[in-house]
Amino acid sequence: MNQSAPKFATFDLEIARAFPDNGNWDGVTSLGITCAAIGFSDAAEPTFFHAAPELTRSASIELVRALERVRADGYTLVTWNGTAFDFAVLAQESALPRECAELALAHVDLMVIVTFLRGH
């Protein structure tokens, strides 16, 4: 039996506006996305999404669709704090909360693993 190596894709985004000083961004209507990247375990170059000053709603939707295609192509998505931050911001900016929740549920968040191991 020939088993292929697992395929991983990392995902990260950067926000356009400053994070609130109190650390609570629940009431913030939009943080914006300046750029995002998807890196692949089997490719030399990542895929970039960027715009100035920030991604439009349609560009944010395309980012969600790209992540869905990555998952459909058999990659496991990996983030650092993607559950609490990246997918939440993307859900807000794309207006696709269900799709972003499904992506978050199906991915590996390395910060969640660390948080649980530390007992938080």
C-alpha atoms as a PDB file:
ATOM      1  CA  MET A   1       0.000   0.000   0.000  1.00  0.00           C
ATOM      2  CA  ASN A   2       1.451   3.346  -1.063  1.00  0.00           C
ATOM      3  CA  GLN A   3       0.570   6.136   1.334  1.00  0.00           C
ATOM      4  CA  SER A   4       1.237   9.663   0.190  1.00  0.00           C
ATOM      5  CA  ALA A   5       2.732  12.203   2.550  1.00  0.00           C
ATOM      6  CA  PRO A   6       0.236  14.447   4.325  1.00  0.00           C
ATOM      7  CA  LYS A   7      -0.271  17.841   2.723  1.00  0.00           C
ATOM      8  CA  PHE A   8      -0.295  20.947   4.900  1.00  0.00           C
ATOM      9  CA  ALA A   9      -1.176  24.551   4.105  1.00  0.00           C
ATOM     10  CA  THR A  10      -0.469  27.370   6.518  1.00  0.00           C
ATOM     11  CA  PHE A  11      -2.694  30.435   6.631  1.00  0.00           C
ATOM     12  CA  ASP A  12      -2.106  33.851   8.159  1.00  0.00           C
ATOM     13  CA  LEU A  13      -3.523  37.337   7.719  1.00  0.00           C
ATOM     14  CA  GLU A  14      -2.658  40.838   8.883  1.00  0.00           C
ATOM     15  CA  ILE A  15      -5.188  43.472   9.901  1.00  0.00           C
ATOM     16  CA  ALA A  16      -5.527  47.016   8.565  1.00  0.00           C
ATOM     17  CA  ARG A  17      -6.470  48.795  11.783  1.00  0.00           C
ATOM     18  CA  ALA A  18      -4.916  48.826  15.226  1.00  0.00           C
ATOM     19  CA  PHE A  19      -6.103  46.259  17.704  1.00  0.00           C
ATOM     20  CA  PRO A  20      -8.120  47.878  20.549  1.00  0.00           C
ATOM     21  CA  ASP A  21      -5.993  48.830  23.574  1.00  0.00           C
ATOM     22  CA  ASN A  22      -8.226  46.863  25.929  1.00  0.00           C
ATOM     23  CA  GLY A  23      -7.729  43.690  23.872  1.00  0.00           C
ATOM     24  CA  ASN A  24     -11.473  43.279  23.344  1.00  0.00           C
ATOM     25  CA  TRP A  25     -12.384  43.529  19.682  1.00  0.00           C
ATOM     26  CA  ASP A  26     -15.881  42.046  19.956  1.00  0.00           C
ATOM     27  CA  GLY A  27     -17.488  45.461  19.409  1.00  0.00           C
ATOM     28  CA  VAL A  28     -15.203  46.465  16.540  1.00  0.00           C
ATOM     29  CA  THR A  29     -17.140  46.474  13.289  1.00  0.00           C
ATOM     30  CA  SER A  30     -14.125  45.988  11.030  1.00  0.00           C
ATOM     31  CA  LEU A  31     -10.413  45.426  11.509  1.00  0.00           C
ATOM     32  CA  GLY A  32      -9.837  45.076   7.766  1.00  0.00           C
ATOM     33  CA  ILE A  33      -7.337  42.758   6.094  1.00  0.00           C
ATOM     34  CA  THR A  34      -4.245  44.232   4.448  1.00  0.00           C
ATOM     35  CA  CYS A  35      -2.751  40.935   3.343  1.00  0.00           C
ATOM     36  CA  ALA A  36      -2.981  37.192   3.750  1.00  0.00           C
ATOM     37  CA  ALA A  37      -0.913  34.230   2.654  1.00  0.00           C
ATOM     38  CA  ILE A  38      -1.402  30.523   2.173  1.00  0.00           C
ATOM     39  CA  GLY A  39       1.805  28.487   2.253  1.00  0.00           C
ATOM     40  CA  PHE A  40       1.960  24.911   1.004  1.00  0.00           C
ATOM     41  CA  SER A  41       4.087  22.038   2.262  1.00  0.00           C
ATOM     42  CA  ASP A  42       4.728  20.941  -1.321  1.00  0.00           C
ATOM     43  CA  ALA A  43       5.297  24.314  -3.018  1.00  0.00           C
ATOM     44  CA  ALA A  44       8.181  26.764  -2.838  1.00  0.00           C
ATOM     45  CA  GLU A  45       6.084  29.925  -2.999  1.00  0.00           C
ATOM     46  CA  PRO A  46       2.997  30.886  -0.994  1.00  0.00           C
ATOM     47  CA  THR A  47      -0.141  32.383  -2.487  1.00  0.00           C
ATOM     48  CA  PHE A  48      -0.607  36.019  -1.482  1.00  0.00           C
ATOM     49  CA  PHE A  49      -3.717  38.161  -1.177  1.00  0.00           C
ATOM     50  CA  HIS A  50      -3.095  41.887  -0.718  1.00  0.00           C
ATOM     51  CA  ALA A  51      -4.586  45.275  -1.455  1.00  0.00           C
ATOM     52  CA  ALA A  52      -4.092  48.860  -0.386  1.00  0.00           C
ATOM     53  CA  PRO A  53      -5.378  49.993   1.934  1.00  0.00           C
ATOM     54  CA  GLU A  54      -7.188  46.677   2.522  1.00  0.00           C
ATOM     55  CA  LEU A  55      -8.979  43.773   0.861  1.00  0.00           C
ATOM     56  CA  THR A  56     -12.470  44.501  -0.393  1.00  0.00           C
ATOM     57  CA  ARG A  57     -15.409  42.356   0.623  1.00  0.00           C
ATOM     58  CA  SER A  58     -15.196  40.492  -2.716  1.00  0.00           C
ATOM     59  CA  ALA A  59     -11.444  39.892  -2.253  1.00  0.00           C
ATOM     60  CA  SER A  60     -12.130  38.569   1.260  1.00  0.00           C
ATOM     61  CA  ILE A  61     -14.766  36.242  -0.190  1.00  0.00           C
ATOM     62  CA  GLU A  62     -12.233  35.018  -2.766  1.00  0.00           C
ATOM     63  CA  LEU A  63      -9.807  34.290   0.093  1.00  0.00           C
ATOM     64  CA  VAL A  64     -12.469  32.148   1.788  1.00  0.00           C
ATOM     65  CA  ARG A  65     -13.123  30.331  -1.504  1.00  0.00           C
ATOM     66  CA  ALA A  66      -9.386  29.769  -1.993  1.00  0.00           C
ATOM     67  CA  LEU A  67      -9.116  28.246   1.498  1.00  0.00           C
ATOM     68  CA  GLU A  68     -12.094  26.006   0.742  1.00  0.00           C
ATOM     69  CA  ARG A  69     -10.381  24.827  -2.473  1.00  0.00           C
ATOM     70  CA  VAL A  70      -7.158  24.161  -0.557  1.00  0.00           C
ATOM     71  CA  ARG A  71      -9.079  21.997   1.885  1.00  0.00           C
ATOM     72  CA  ALA A  72     -10.953  20.240  -0.940  1.00  0.00           C
ATOM     73  CA  ASP A  73      -7.573  19.480  -2.556  1.00  0.00           C
ATOM     74  CA  GLY A  74      -6.649  17.425   0.515  1.00  0.00           C
ATOM     75  CA  TYR A  75      -4.557  19.886   2.491  1.00  0.00           C
ATOM     76  CA  THR A  76      -4.824  20.249   6.255  1.00  0.00           C
ATOM     77  CA  LEU A  77      -4.936  23.943   7.116  1.00  0.00           C
ATOM     78  CA  VAL A  78      -2.616  25.041   9.941  1.00  0.00           C
ATOM     79  CA  THR A  79      -2.612  28.389  11.790  1.00  0.00           C
ATOM     80  CA  TRP A  80      -1.267  30.070  14.883  1.00  0.00           C
ATOM     81  CA  ASN A  81      -4.310  31.464  16.726  1.00  0.00           C
ATOM     82  CA  GLY A  82      -6.461  31.090  13.622  1.00  0.00           C
ATOM     83  CA  THR A  83      -9.457  29.883  15.601  1.00  0.00           C
ATOM     84  CA  ALA A  84      -9.719  32.969  17.790  1.00  0.00           C
ATOM     85  CA  PHE A  85      -8.371  35.531  15.347  1.00  0.00           C
ATOM     86  CA  ASP A  86      -7.702  34.860  11.650  1.00  0.00           C
ATOM     87  CA  PHE A  87     -10.916  32.991  10.862  1.00  0.00           C
ATOM     88  CA  ALA A  88     -12.941  35.388  13.042  1.00  0.00           C
ATOM     89  CA  VAL A  89     -11.564  38.422  11.184  1.00  0.00           C
ATOM     90  CA  LEU A  90     -12.068  36.691   7.835  1.00  0.00           C
ATOM     91  CA  ALA A  91     -15.665  35.840   8.760  1.00  0.00           C
ATOM     92  CA  GLN A  92     -16.311  39.484   9.589  1.00  0.00           C
ATOM     93  CA  GLU A  93     -14.649  40.873   6.459  1.00  0.00           C
ATOM     94  CA  SER A  94     -16.120  38.322   4.027  1.00  0.00           C
ATOM     95  CA  ALA A  95     -19.585  38.146   5.635  1.00  0.00           C
ATOM     96  CA  LEU A  96     -19.248  34.349   5.369  1.00  0.00           C
ATOM     97  CA  PRO A  97     -19.310  33.273   9.033  1.00  0.00           C
ATOM     98  CA  ARG A  98     -20.580  29.749   8.369  1.00  0.00           C
ATOM     99  CA  GLU A  99     -17.893  28.992   5.800  1.00  0.00           C
ATOM    100  CA  CYS A 100     -15.174  30.418   8.045  1.00  0.00           C
ATOM    101  CA  ALA A 101     -16.469  28.416  11.021  1.00  0.00           C
ATOM    102  CA  GLU A 102     -16.329  25.240   8.930  1.00  0.00           C
ATOM    103  CA  LEU A 103     -12.753  26.029   7.890  1.00  0.00           C
ATOM    104  CA  ALA A 104     -11.818  26.727  11.520  1.00  0.00           C
ATOM    105  CA  LEU A 105     -13.365  23.479  12.729  1.00  0.00           C
ATOM    106  CA  ALA A 106     -11.445  21.459  10.143  1.00  0.00           C
ATOM    107  CA  HIS A 107      -8.007  22.982  10.735  1.00  0.00           C
ATOM    108  CA  VAL A 108      -5.130  22.626  13.194  1.00  0.00           C
ATOM    109  CA  ASP A 109      -4.549  25.659  15.417  1.00  0.00           C
ATOM    110  CA  LEU A 110      -1.146  25.327  17.053  1.00  0.00           C
ATOM    111  CA  MET A 111      -1.973  27.983  19.660  1.00  0.00           C
ATOM    112  CA  VAL A 112      -5.031  26.033  20.821  1.00  0.00           C
ATOM    113  CA  ILE A 113      -2.791  23.018  21.364  1.00  0.00           C
ATOM    114  CA  VAL A 114      -0.341  25.084  23.455  1.00  0.00           C
ATOM    115  CA  THR A 115      -3.190  26.696  25.404  1.00  0.00           C
ATOM    116  CA  PHE A 116      -4.688  23.325  26.306  1.00  0.00           C
ATOM    117  CA  LEU A 117      -1.322  21.831  27.221  1.00  0.00           C
ATOM    118  CA  ARG A 118      -0.684  24.747  29.587  1.00  0.00           C
ATOM    119  CA  GLY A 119      -4.060  24.205  31.239  1.00  0.00           C
ATOM    120  CA  HIS A 120      -5.761  27.467  30.269  1.00  0.00           C
END
